[in-house]
Amino acid sequence: MARALARFTVPEDHRVLGVELTEFDRGGPLAFRLYLRGPGRWDEFRYVVRMDEPRVMPGAKDGTFPNVTDEDLRSLLPIQTLLERVAAPAGVTIRRFAYGSVYPRPDGSGFVPAIQVGLPWDHWIYDARDGSLLEHRSWRR
């Protein structure tokens, strides 16, 4: 994911809201979808970065666009920084890394924007403001 982001030049007035693995094979990731927001609330863009091609292509309108308010966005670390801070547990493939989930604050005083990685039955939830682990949920037996 970090390599896909490094290949994309983000316009100065845009913000990356998430990156999602869209194609892979036994050799590794083949393509990623990037979600960006421009200066306006409804300026939403999708791009596809194929790891086997040098160009970045406009993305199709599929995939769930991250839902985050402009107010929340001001308090969140950039996706690139969060990718560096959040250590994926060994053996876990992160398929999506995007803003938009909310999670109860540890002190019970409301909700914080969060990023969830892992599988639905075994996932880690991180605070999108600082990258700290909020909770690990597992339903493995």
C-alpha atoms as a PDB file:
ATOM      1  CA  MET A   1       0.000   0.000   0.000  1.00  0.00           C
ATOM      2  CA  ALA A   2       2.810   2.389   0.831  1.00  0.00           C
ATOM      3  CA  ARG A   3       4.468   1.620  -2.527  1.00  0.00           C
ATOM      4  CA  ALA A   4       1.202   2.303  -4.368  1.00  0.00           C
ATOM      5  CA  LEU A   5       0.839   5.649  -2.578  1.00  0.00           C
ATOM      6  CA  ALA A   6       4.462   6.533  -3.328  1.00  0.00           C
ATOM      7  CA  ARG A   7       3.783   6.119  -7.058  1.00  0.00           C
ATOM      8  CA  PHE A   8       0.913   8.615  -6.972  1.00  0.00           C
ATOM      9  CA  THR A   9       1.420  12.381  -6.822  1.00  0.00           C
ATOM     10  CA  VAL A  10      -1.371  13.784  -4.688  1.00  0.00           C
ATOM     11  CA  PRO A  11      -2.474  17.244  -5.856  1.00  0.00           C
ATOM     12  CA  GLU A  12      -1.676  19.890  -3.252  1.00  0.00           C
ATOM     13  CA  ASP A  13      -5.322  20.655  -2.455  1.00  0.00           C
ATOM     14  CA  HIS A  14      -6.382  16.980  -2.231  1.00  0.00           C
ATOM     15  CA  ARG A  15      -6.272  14.488   0.619  1.00  0.00           C
ATOM     16  CA  VAL A  16      -5.953  10.697   0.437  1.00  0.00           C
ATOM     17  CA  LEU A  17      -8.890   9.140   2.308  1.00  0.00           C
ATOM     18  CA  GLY A  18      -7.905   5.523   1.795  1.00  0.00           C
ATOM     19  CA  VAL A  19      -6.206   2.832  -0.205  1.00  0.00           C
ATOM     20  CA  GLU A  20      -7.689  -0.567  -1.030  1.00  0.00           C
ATOM     21  CA  LEU A  21      -6.215  -3.738  -2.511  1.00  0.00           C
ATOM     22  CA  THR A  22      -8.280  -4.657  -5.578  1.00  0.00           C
ATOM     23  CA  GLU A  23      -6.276  -7.394  -7.306  1.00  0.00           C
ATOM     24  CA  PHE A  24      -3.635  -9.823  -6.156  1.00  0.00           C
ATOM     25  CA  ASP A  25      -2.158 -13.201  -7.002  1.00  0.00           C
ATOM     26  CA  ARG A  26       0.360 -15.535  -5.412  1.00  0.00           C
ATOM     27  CA  GLY A  27       3.139 -13.147  -6.395  1.00  0.00           C
ATOM     28  CA  GLY A  28       1.627 -10.295  -4.405  1.00  0.00           C
ATOM     29  CA  PRO A  29      -0.498  -7.201  -4.930  1.00  0.00           C
ATOM     30  CA  LEU A  30      -1.371  -6.297  -8.518  1.00  0.00           C
ATOM     31  CA  ALA A  31      -3.599  -3.231  -8.145  1.00  0.00           C
ATOM     32  CA  PHE A  32      -4.831  -0.735  -5.578  1.00  0.00           C
ATOM     33  CA  ARG A  33      -7.696   1.741  -5.578  1.00  0.00           C
ATOM     34  CA  LEU A  34      -6.942   5.168  -4.090  1.00  0.00           C
ATOM     35  CA  TYR A  35      -9.687   7.391  -2.701  1.00  0.00           C
ATOM     36  CA  LEU A  36      -9.075  11.155  -2.675  1.00  0.00           C
ATOM     37  CA  ARG A  37     -11.071  14.205  -1.711  1.00  0.00           C
ATOM     38  CA  GLY A  38     -10.508  17.570  -3.325  1.00  0.00           C
ATOM     39  CA  PRO A  39     -11.093  20.964  -1.762  1.00  0.00           C
ATOM     40  CA  GLY A  40     -14.894  20.696  -1.993  1.00  0.00           C
ATOM     41  CA  ARG A  41     -16.933  18.257   0.122  1.00  0.00           C
ATOM     42  CA  TRP A  42     -18.227  16.477  -2.991  1.00  0.00           C
ATOM     43  CA  ASP A  43     -14.916  16.498  -4.904  1.00  0.00           C
ATOM     44  CA  GLU A  44     -14.333  12.758  -4.617  1.00  0.00           C
ATOM     45  CA  PHE A  45     -11.904  10.924  -6.862  1.00  0.00           C
ATOM     46  CA  ARG A  46     -10.876   7.313  -7.373  1.00  0.00           C
ATOM     47  CA  TYR A  47      -7.672   6.175  -9.030  1.00  0.00           C
ATOM     48  CA  VAL A  48      -6.241   2.750  -9.783  1.00  0.00           C
ATOM     49  CA  VAL A  49      -2.534   2.048  -9.358  1.00  0.00           C
ATOM     50  CA  ARG A  50      -1.468  -1.154 -11.100  1.00  0.00           C
ATOM     51  CA  MET A  51       1.841  -2.408  -9.764  1.00  0.00           C
ATOM     52  CA  ASP A  52       2.711  -3.998 -13.140  1.00  0.00           C
ATOM     53  CA  GLU A  53       2.170  -0.762 -15.132  1.00  0.00           C
ATOM     54  CA  PRO A  54       3.851   2.633 -14.808  1.00  0.00           C
ATOM     55  CA  ARG A  55       0.719   4.782 -15.090  1.00  0.00           C
ATOM     56  CA  VAL A  56      -2.050   5.661 -12.673  1.00  0.00           C
ATOM     57  CA  MET A  57      -5.563   5.422 -14.104  1.00  0.00           C
ATOM     58  CA  PRO A  58      -8.835   7.073 -13.116  1.00  0.00           C
ATOM     59  CA  GLY A  59     -10.813   4.516 -11.139  1.00  0.00           C
ATOM     60  CA  ALA A  60     -14.233   3.086 -11.738  1.00  0.00           C
ATOM     61  CA  LYS A  61     -17.105   4.154  -9.504  1.00  0.00           C
ATOM     62  CA  ASP A  62     -17.054   0.861  -7.604  1.00  0.00           C
ATOM     63  CA  GLY A  63     -15.775   0.389  -4.082  1.00  0.00           C
ATOM     64  CA  THR A  64     -17.099   2.028  -0.934  1.00  0.00           C
ATOM     65  CA  PHE A  65     -15.904   5.609  -0.687  1.00  0.00           C
ATOM     66  CA  PRO A  66     -14.633   6.453   2.818  1.00  0.00           C
ATOM     67  CA  ASN A  67     -17.131   8.500   4.793  1.00  0.00           C
ATOM     68  CA  VAL A  68     -15.423  11.206   6.811  1.00  0.00           C
ATOM     69  CA  THR A  69     -16.520  14.750   7.570  1.00  0.00           C
ATOM     70  CA  ASP A  70     -14.381  17.789   6.802  1.00  0.00           C
ATOM     71  CA  GLU A  71     -14.301  18.532  10.546  1.00  0.00           C
ATOM     72  CA  ASP A  72     -12.955  15.052  11.336  1.00  0.00           C
ATOM     73  CA  LEU A  73     -10.507  15.237   8.459  1.00  0.00           C
ATOM     74  CA  ARG A  74      -8.772  18.241  10.016  1.00  0.00           C
ATOM     75  CA  SER A  75      -7.884  16.210  13.125  1.00  0.00           C
ATOM     76  CA  LEU A  76      -6.700  13.034  11.364  1.00  0.00           C
ATOM     77  CA  LEU A  77      -3.169  12.057  10.488  1.00  0.00           C
ATOM     78  CA  PRO A  78      -2.508  11.640   6.765  1.00  0.00           C
ATOM     79  CA  ILE A  79      -3.089   8.084   5.513  1.00  0.00           C
ATOM     80  CA  GLN A  80       0.592   7.851   4.549  1.00  0.00           C
ATOM     81  CA  THR A  81       1.644   8.642   8.137  1.00  0.00           C
ATOM     82  CA  LEU A  82      -0.859   6.190   9.604  1.00  0.00           C
ATOM     83  CA  LEU A  83       0.420   3.436   7.310  1.00  0.00           C
ATOM     84  CA  GLU A  84       3.886   4.004   8.777  1.00  0.00           C
ATOM     85  CA  ARG A  85       2.629   3.979  12.385  1.00  0.00           C
ATOM     86  CA  VAL A  86       0.188   1.069  12.247  1.00  0.00           C
ATOM     87  CA  ALA A  87       2.061  -2.211  12.334  1.00  0.00           C
ATOM     88  CA  ALA A  88       0.052  -4.946  10.704  1.00  0.00           C
ATOM     89  CA  PRO A  89       0.192  -8.115  12.752  1.00  0.00           C
ATOM     90  CA  ALA A  90       2.287 -10.887  11.202  1.00  0.00           C
ATOM     91  CA  GLY A  91       0.372 -12.910   8.638  1.00  0.00           C
ATOM     92  CA  VAL A  92      -2.440 -10.355   8.250  1.00  0.00           C
ATOM     93  CA  THR A  93      -3.075  -8.998   4.759  1.00  0.00           C
ATOM     94  CA  ILE A  94      -4.510  -5.503   4.907  1.00  0.00           C
ATOM     95  CA  ARG A  95      -7.040  -5.243   2.109  1.00  0.00           C
ATOM     96  CA  ARG A  96      -8.353  -1.785   2.962  1.00  0.00           C
ATOM     97  CA  PHE A  97      -6.845   1.099   4.892  1.00  0.00           C
ATOM     98  CA  ALA A  98      -9.251   4.016   4.967  1.00  0.00           C
ATOM     99  CA  TYR A  99     -10.838   6.610   7.209  1.00  0.00           C
ATOM    100  CA  GLY A 100     -14.481   6.311   8.033  1.00  0.00           C
ATOM    101  CA  SER A 101     -15.116   3.891  10.840  1.00  0.00           C
ATOM    102  CA  VAL A 102     -16.014   5.368  14.191  1.00  0.00           C
ATOM    103  CA  TYR A 103     -15.234   3.733  17.478  1.00  0.00           C
ATOM    104  CA  PRO A 104     -16.039   4.561  21.102  1.00  0.00           C
ATOM    105  CA  ARG A 105     -13.378   6.611  22.872  1.00  0.00           C
ATOM    106  CA  PRO A 106     -11.539   4.576  25.521  1.00  0.00           C
ATOM    107  CA  ASP A 107     -12.898   6.909  28.226  1.00  0.00           C
ATOM    108  CA  GLY A 108     -16.500   6.514  26.975  1.00  0.00           C
ATOM    109  CA  SER A 109     -16.842  10.208  26.087  1.00  0.00           C
ATOM    110  CA  GLY A 110     -17.990   9.750  22.491  1.00  0.00           C
ATOM    111  CA  PHE A 111     -16.539   8.399  19.297  1.00  0.00           C
ATOM    112  CA  VAL A 112     -13.270   8.793  17.398  1.00  0.00           C
ATOM    113  CA  PRO A 113     -12.542   8.282  13.706  1.00  0.00           C
ATOM    114  CA  ALA A 114     -10.804   4.949  13.367  1.00  0.00           C
ATOM    115  CA  ILE A 115      -9.168   2.621  10.890  1.00  0.00           C
ATOM    116  CA  GLN A 116      -9.891  -1.082  11.032  1.00  0.00           C
ATOM    117  CA  VAL A 117      -7.530  -3.665   9.548  1.00  0.00           C
ATOM    118  CA  GLY A 118      -7.760  -7.418   9.297  1.00  0.00           C
ATOM    119  CA  LEU A 119     -10.663  -9.756   8.660  1.00  0.00           C
ATOM    120  CA  PRO A 120     -14.212  -9.319   9.954  1.00  0.00           C
ATOM    121  CA  TRP A 121     -13.673 -12.049  12.548  1.00  0.00           C
ATOM    122  CA  ASP A 122     -10.149 -11.002  13.552  1.00  0.00           C
ATOM    123  CA  HIS A 123      -9.379  -7.286  13.323  1.00  0.00           C
ATOM    124  CA  TRP A 124      -7.499  -4.429  14.919  1.00  0.00           C
ATOM    125  CA  ILE A 125      -8.975  -0.963  15.396  1.00  0.00           C
ATOM    126  CA  TYR A 126      -6.663   2.066  15.447  1.00  0.00           C
ATOM    127  CA  ASP A 127      -7.326   5.711  16.309  1.00  0.00           C
ATOM    128  CA  ALA A 128      -7.009   7.672  13.040  1.00  0.00           C
ATOM    129  CA  ARG A 129      -5.831  10.745  14.964  1.00  0.00           C
ATOM    130  CA  ASP A 130      -2.598   9.229  16.289  1.00  0.00           C
ATOM    131  CA  GLY A 131      -2.361   5.579  15.165  1.00  0.00           C
ATOM    132  CA  SER A 132      -2.781   4.129  18.660  1.00  0.00           C
ATOM    133  CA  LEU A 133      -4.448   0.734  19.043  1.00  0.00           C
ATOM    134  CA  LEU A 134      -7.977   1.030  20.393  1.00  0.00           C
ATOM    135  CA  GLU A 135      -8.911  -2.645  20.391  1.00  0.00           C
ATOM    136  CA  HIS A 136      -8.196  -6.067  18.937  1.00  0.00           C
ATOM    137  CA  ARG A 137     -11.332  -8.113  18.328  1.00  0.00           C
ATOM    138  CA  SER A 138     -11.121 -11.785  17.559  1.00  0.00           C
ATOM    139  CA  TRP A 139     -13.759 -14.442  17.228  1.00  0.00           C
ATOM    140  CA  ARG A 140     -11.255 -17.218  16.510  1.00  0.00           C
ATOM    141  CA  ARG A 141     -11.670 -20.393  18.422  1.00  0.00           C
END
